[in-house]
Amino acid sequence: MTLQQLLQQRLIQAETLMREHQLWQLDAPAAESLVSDQPFCLDKLEPLEWLQWIFIPRMQALLDANAPLPMNFAITPYYEVALPDTTPGHGMILLTLKQIDALFVQDSD
């Protein structure tokens, strides 16, 4: 499988998990909430809102455009701190994010 196919699977997996645990929002936040100079829009969005309304759509747009994907980034460390342990599906969401991160790690060798 290609990187693009694996990423597509993981994005679908993240959305499915959020939907299964009633974490997927039907209504988008106000447009001004989607614009921030803070990482993860910390000042305007909850962690799962950023995942749903920023990360997943942007990664999907890159896939749809067959554009180069970013490399060497990780979002899981943020979610390990920011996502409450009481969040439904917590462990599976973190596992999925770790799997996404693993797709973007390049060996320095």
N, C-alpha and C. Protein backbone atom coordinates (compact mmCIF):
# COMPACT_ATOMS: atom_id res chain seq x y z
N MET A 1 0.83 -1.19 0.00
CA MET A 1 0.00 0.00 0.00
C MET A 1 0.87 1.24 0.00
N THR A 2 0.40 2.26 -0.65
CA THR A 2 1.14 3.52 -0.69
C THR A 2 0.89 4.33 0.59
N LEU A 3 1.75 5.29 0.80
CA LEU A 3 1.57 6.21 1.93
C LEU A 3 0.20 6.87 1.85
N GLN A 4 -0.19 7.29 0.66
CA GLN A 4 -1.48 7.96 0.49
C GLN A 4 -2.64 7.03 0.86
N GLN A 5 -2.57 5.78 0.46
CA GLN A 5 -3.63 4.83 0.79
C GLN A 5 -3.68 4.56 2.30
N LEU A 6 -2.51 4.43 2.90
CA LEU A 6 -2.47 4.20 4.35
C LEU A 6 -3.02 5.41 5.11
N LEU A 7 -2.64 6.60 4.67
CA LEU A 7 -3.15 7.81 5.32
C LEU A 7 -4.66 7.89 5.16
N GLN A 8 -5.16 7.61 3.98
CA GLN A 8 -6.61 7.64 3.75
C GLN A 8 -7.32 6.70 4.73
N GLN A 9 -6.78 5.50 4.89
CA GLN A 9 -7.37 4.53 5.83
C GLN A 9 -7.38 5.08 7.25
N ARG A 10 -6.28 5.68 7.67
CA ARG A 10 -6.18 6.19 9.05
C ARG A 10 -7.11 7.39 9.27
N LEU A 11 -7.25 8.24 8.27
CA LEU A 11 -8.17 9.37 8.41
C LEU A 11 -9.61 8.87 8.55
N ILE A 12 -9.96 7.88 7.75
CA ILE A 12 -11.29 7.29 7.85
C ILE A 12 -11.47 6.63 9.22
N GLN A 13 -10.43 5.96 9.67
CA GLN A 13 -10.48 5.31 10.98
C GLN A 13 -10.71 6.33 12.09
N ALA A 14 -10.00 7.45 12.04
CA ALA A 14 -10.17 8.50 13.05
C ALA A 14 -11.60 9.04 13.03
N GLU A 15 -12.10 9.33 11.85
CA GLU A 15 -13.48 9.83 11.75
C GLU A 15 -14.47 8.80 12.26
N THR A 16 -14.28 7.56 11.88
CA THR A 16 -15.20 6.49 12.31
C THR A 16 -15.21 6.37 13.82
N LEU A 17 -14.04 6.38 14.44
CA LEU A 17 -13.97 6.30 15.90
C LEU A 17 -14.70 7.47 16.56
N MET A 18 -14.48 8.65 16.03
CA MET A 18 -15.14 9.82 16.60
C MET A 18 -16.65 9.72 16.44
N ARG A 19 -17.11 9.23 15.31
CA ARG A 19 -18.54 9.06 15.10
C ARG A 19 -19.11 8.00 16.03
N GLU A 20 -18.42 6.86 16.15
CA GLU A 20 -18.89 5.78 17.01
C GLU A 20 -19.03 6.22 18.46
N HIS A 21 -18.20 7.15 18.88
CA HIS A 21 -18.22 7.61 20.28
C HIS A 21 -18.92 8.95 20.44
N GLN A 22 -19.71 9.33 19.44
CA GLN A 22 -20.48 10.57 19.44
C GLN A 22 -19.60 11.80 19.71
N LEU A 23 -18.41 11.80 19.12
CA LEU A 23 -17.49 12.93 19.25
C LEU A 23 -17.42 13.76 17.98
N TRP A 24 -18.04 13.27 16.90
CA TRP A 24 -18.04 13.96 15.61
C TRP A 24 -19.13 15.01 15.63
N GLN A 25 -18.79 16.25 15.35
CA GLN A 25 -19.77 17.33 15.39
C GLN A 25 -20.44 17.50 14.05
N LEU A 26 -21.72 17.79 14.08
CA LEU A 26 -22.47 18.02 12.85
C LEU A 26 -22.37 19.47 12.39
N ASP A 27 -22.20 20.37 13.33
CA ASP A 27 -22.14 21.80 13.01
C ASP A 27 -20.72 22.31 13.17
N ALA A 28 -20.24 22.96 12.13
CA ALA A 28 -18.88 23.52 12.18
C ALA A 28 -18.82 24.69 13.15
N PRO A 29 -17.67 24.88 13.77
CA PRO A 29 -17.49 26.06 14.61
C PRO A 29 -17.56 27.32 13.75
N ALA A 30 -17.72 28.44 14.39
CA ALA A 30 -17.72 29.72 13.67
C ALA A 30 -16.43 29.86 12.88
N ALA A 31 -16.51 30.49 11.73
CA ALA A 31 -15.36 30.64 10.84
C ALA A 31 -14.15 31.24 11.55
N GLU A 32 -14.38 32.19 12.43
CA GLU A 32 -13.25 32.81 13.14
C GLU A 32 -12.55 31.84 14.09
N SER A 33 -13.23 30.77 14.47
CA SER A 33 -12.62 29.76 15.33
C SER A 33 -11.63 28.88 14.57
N LEU A 34 -11.74 28.88 13.26
CA LEU A 34 -10.88 28.04 12.44
C LEU A 34 -9.60 28.75 12.01
N VAL A 35 -9.46 30.00 12.45
CA VAL A 35 -8.27 30.78 12.10
C VAL A 35 -7.57 31.17 13.40
N SER A 36 -6.34 30.72 13.52
CA SER A 36 -5.58 31.00 14.73
C SER A 36 -4.10 30.93 14.41
N ASP A 37 -3.30 31.66 15.16
CA ASP A 37 -1.86 31.55 15.00
C ASP A 37 -1.26 30.61 16.04
N GLN A 38 -2.12 30.01 16.84
CA GLN A 38 -1.68 29.07 17.87
C GLN A 38 -1.65 27.64 17.31
N PRO A 39 -0.66 26.85 17.70
CA PRO A 39 -0.68 25.44 17.28
C PRO A 39 -1.98 24.78 17.71
N PHE A 40 -2.53 23.95 16.85
CA PHE A 40 -3.77 23.23 17.13
C PHE A 40 -4.94 24.16 17.43
N CYS A 41 -4.82 25.43 17.07
CA CYS A 41 -5.87 26.43 17.38
C CYS A 41 -6.24 26.38 18.86
N LEU A 42 -5.22 26.23 19.70
CA LEU A 42 -5.42 26.08 21.15
C LEU A 42 -6.35 27.14 21.74
N ASP A 43 -6.28 28.33 21.20
CA ASP A 43 -7.05 29.43 21.75
C ASP A 43 -8.50 29.45 21.30
N LYS A 44 -8.84 28.59 20.32
CA LYS A 44 -10.19 28.69 19.77
C LYS A 44 -10.93 27.37 19.63
N LEU A 45 -10.21 26.24 19.59
CA LEU A 45 -10.85 24.95 19.38
C LEU A 45 -10.45 23.94 20.44
N GLU A 46 -11.36 23.05 20.71
CA GLU A 46 -11.05 21.89 21.55
C GLU A 46 -10.21 20.92 20.72
N PRO A 47 -9.45 20.03 21.36
CA PRO A 47 -8.57 19.13 20.60
C PRO A 47 -9.28 18.34 19.50
N LEU A 48 -10.43 17.77 19.79
CA LEU A 48 -11.11 16.97 18.77
C LEU A 48 -11.75 17.84 17.70
N GLU A 49 -12.05 19.09 18.03
CA GLU A 49 -12.54 20.01 17.00
C GLU A 49 -11.43 20.29 15.99
N TRP A 50 -10.21 20.51 16.48
CA TRP A 50 -9.09 20.74 15.57
C TRP A 50 -8.89 19.52 14.67
N LEU A 51 -8.96 18.35 15.26
CA LEU A 51 -8.79 17.13 14.48
C LEU A 51 -9.85 17.05 13.39
N GLN A 52 -11.11 17.29 13.74
CA GLN A 52 -12.21 17.17 12.79
C GLN A 52 -12.24 18.29 11.76
N TRP A 53 -12.05 19.51 12.19
CA TRP A 53 -12.29 20.65 11.31
C TRP A 53 -11.05 21.20 10.63
N ILE A 54 -9.86 20.84 11.13
CA ILE A 54 -8.62 21.35 10.53
C ILE A 54 -7.77 20.20 9.97
N PHE A 55 -7.33 19.30 10.83
CA PHE A 55 -6.37 18.28 10.41
C PHE A 55 -6.93 17.33 9.36
N ILE A 56 -8.03 16.69 9.65
CA ILE A 56 -8.58 15.70 8.70
C ILE A 56 -8.90 16.36 7.35
N PRO A 57 -9.59 17.50 7.31
CA PRO A 57 -9.87 18.12 6.00
C PRO A 57 -8.60 18.54 5.24
N ARG A 58 -7.61 19.07 5.96
CA ARG A 58 -6.39 19.50 5.26
C ARG A 58 -5.63 18.31 4.70
N MET A 59 -5.54 17.25 5.47
CA MET A 59 -4.85 16.06 4.97
C MET A 59 -5.63 15.46 3.80
N GLN A 60 -6.94 15.46 3.90
CA GLN A 60 -7.77 14.94 2.81
C GLN A 60 -7.60 15.79 1.56
N ALA A 61 -7.52 17.11 1.73
CA ALA A 61 -7.33 18.00 0.58
C ALA A 61 -5.99 17.73 -0.10
N LEU A 62 -4.95 17.48 0.69
CA LEU A 62 -3.65 17.13 0.10
C LEU A 62 -3.75 15.83 -0.69
N LEU A 63 -4.44 14.85 -0.11
CA LEU A 63 -4.61 13.57 -0.82
C LEU A 63 -5.40 13.77 -2.11
N ASP A 64 -6.48 14.51 -2.03
CA ASP A 64 -7.33 14.74 -3.21
C ASP A 64 -6.58 15.45 -4.32
N ALA A 65 -5.67 16.35 -3.94
CA ALA A 65 -4.91 17.12 -4.92
C ALA A 65 -3.63 16.39 -5.36
N ASN A 66 -3.42 15.22 -4.77
CA ASN A 66 -2.19 14.46 -5.05
C ASN A 66 -0.97 15.34 -4.78
N ALA A 67 -1.07 16.16 -3.73
CA ALA A 67 -0.01 17.09 -3.35
C ALA A 67 0.98 16.39 -2.43
N PRO A 68 2.18 16.94 -2.32
CA PRO A 68 3.15 16.38 -1.39
C PRO A 68 2.61 16.44 0.05
N LEU A 69 2.90 15.41 0.80
CA LEU A 69 2.46 15.35 2.19
C LEU A 69 3.58 15.86 3.09
N PRO A 70 3.21 16.49 4.20
CA PRO A 70 4.24 16.96 5.14
C PRO A 70 4.95 15.75 5.76
N MET A 71 6.15 15.95 6.18
CA MET A 71 6.91 14.86 6.80
C MET A 71 7.45 15.32 8.15
N ASN A 72 7.79 14.31 8.95
CA ASN A 72 8.43 14.53 10.25
C ASN A 72 7.62 15.44 11.18
N PHE A 73 6.40 15.06 11.41
CA PHE A 73 5.58 15.77 12.39
C PHE A 73 4.89 14.73 13.27
N ALA A 74 4.40 15.18 14.39
CA ALA A 74 3.66 14.30 15.29
C ALA A 74 2.58 15.11 16.00
N ILE A 75 1.38 14.57 16.00
CA ILE A 75 0.29 15.22 16.71
C ILE A 75 -0.08 14.46 17.99
N THR A 76 0.34 13.21 18.09
CA THR A 76 -0.02 12.40 19.25
C THR A 76 0.45 13.00 20.57
N PRO A 77 1.66 13.52 20.67
CA PRO A 77 2.07 14.08 21.97
C PRO A 77 1.10 15.14 22.51
N TYR A 78 0.59 15.97 21.63
CA TYR A 78 -0.41 16.96 22.05
C TYR A 78 -1.66 16.28 22.60
N TYR A 79 -2.13 15.27 21.89
CA TYR A 79 -3.37 14.60 22.31
C TYR A 79 -3.17 13.77 23.57
N GLU A 80 -1.98 13.28 23.80
CA GLU A 80 -1.72 12.54 25.04
C GLU A 80 -1.87 13.45 26.25
N VAL A 81 -1.61 14.73 26.07
CA VAL A 81 -1.73 15.70 27.15
C VAL A 81 -3.12 16.35 27.15
N ALA A 82 -3.61 16.73 25.98
CA ALA A 82 -4.81 17.56 25.88
C ALA A 82 -6.12 16.78 25.92
N LEU A 83 -6.10 15.52 25.53
CA LEU A 83 -7.34 14.74 25.45
C LEU A 83 -7.59 14.07 26.80
N PRO A 84 -8.66 14.44 27.47
CA PRO A 84 -8.93 13.84 28.79
C PRO A 84 -9.06 12.32 28.71
N ASP A 85 -8.55 11.66 29.74
CA ASP A 85 -8.64 10.19 29.82
C ASP A 85 -10.09 9.72 29.78
N THR A 86 -11.00 10.57 30.18
CA THR A 86 -12.41 10.20 30.23
C THR A 86 -13.12 10.31 28.88
N THR A 87 -12.39 10.77 27.87
CA THR A 87 -12.97 10.89 26.53
C THR A 87 -13.35 9.51 26.02
N PRO A 88 -14.60 9.32 25.58
CA PRO A 88 -14.97 8.02 25.01
C PRO A 88 -14.04 7.65 23.86
N GLY A 89 -13.57 6.42 23.85
CA GLY A 89 -12.68 5.96 22.79
C GLY A 89 -11.26 6.48 22.91
N HIS A 90 -10.90 7.03 24.05
CA HIS A 90 -9.61 7.66 24.28
C HIS A 90 -8.44 6.82 23.75
N GLY A 91 -8.35 5.58 24.19
CA GLY A 91 -7.23 4.72 23.80
C GLY A 91 -7.16 4.45 22.31
N MET A 92 -8.30 4.21 21.70
CA MET A 92 -8.33 3.92 20.27
C MET A 92 -8.02 5.17 19.44
N ILE A 93 -8.47 6.31 19.91
CA ILE A 93 -8.16 7.56 19.22
C ILE A 93 -6.65 7.81 19.25
N LEU A 94 -6.05 7.65 20.44
CA LEU A 94 -4.60 7.86 20.54
C LEU A 94 -3.84 6.85 19.68
N LEU A 95 -4.29 5.61 19.65
CA LEU A 95 -3.63 4.60 18.83
C LEU A 95 -3.70 4.98 17.34
N THR A 96 -4.85 5.44 16.91
CA THR A 96 -5.00 5.86 15.51
C THR A 96 -4.10 7.04 15.20
N LEU A 97 -4.01 8.00 16.11
CA LEU A 97 -3.13 9.15 15.89
C LEU A 97 -1.66 8.72 15.85
N LYS A 98 -1.29 7.77 16.70
CA LYS A 98 0.08 7.23 16.65
C LYS A 98 0.35 6.57 15.31
N GLN A 99 -0.64 5.88 14.79
CA GLN A 99 -0.48 5.23 13.48
C GLN A 99 -0.33 6.28 12.38
N ILE A 100 -1.06 7.37 12.48
CA ILE A 100 -0.91 8.47 11.52
C ILE A 100 0.48 9.05 11.63
N ASP A 101 0.91 9.36 12.85
CA ASP A 101 2.25 9.92 13.05
C ASP A 101 3.32 9.01 12.47
N ALA A 102 3.17 7.72 12.65
CA ALA A 102 4.18 6.76 12.16
C ALA A 102 4.35 6.82 10.65
N LEU A 103 3.32 7.24 9.94
CA LEU A 103 3.41 7.35 8.50
C LEU A 103 4.34 8.49 8.06
N PHE A 104 4.57 9.43 8.96
CA PHE A 104 5.30 10.65 8.60
C PHE A 104 6.67 10.77 9.23
N VAL A 105 7.16 9.69 9.77
CA VAL A 105 8.50 9.69 10.36
C VAL A 105 9.47 9.17 9.33
N GLN A 106 10.49 9.94 9.08
CA GLN A 106 11.54 9.52 8.15
C GLN A 106 12.80 9.21 8.94
N ASP A 107 13.45 8.13 8.56
CA ASP A 107 14.75 7.82 9.17
C ASP A 107 15.75 8.89 8.75
N SER A 108 16.61 9.26 9.66
CA SER A 108 17.62 10.25 9.33
C SER A 108 18.86 9.60 8.71
N ASP A 109 18.83 8.29 8.55
CA ASP A 109 19.97 7.57 7.94
C ASP A 109 20.02 7.77 6.45
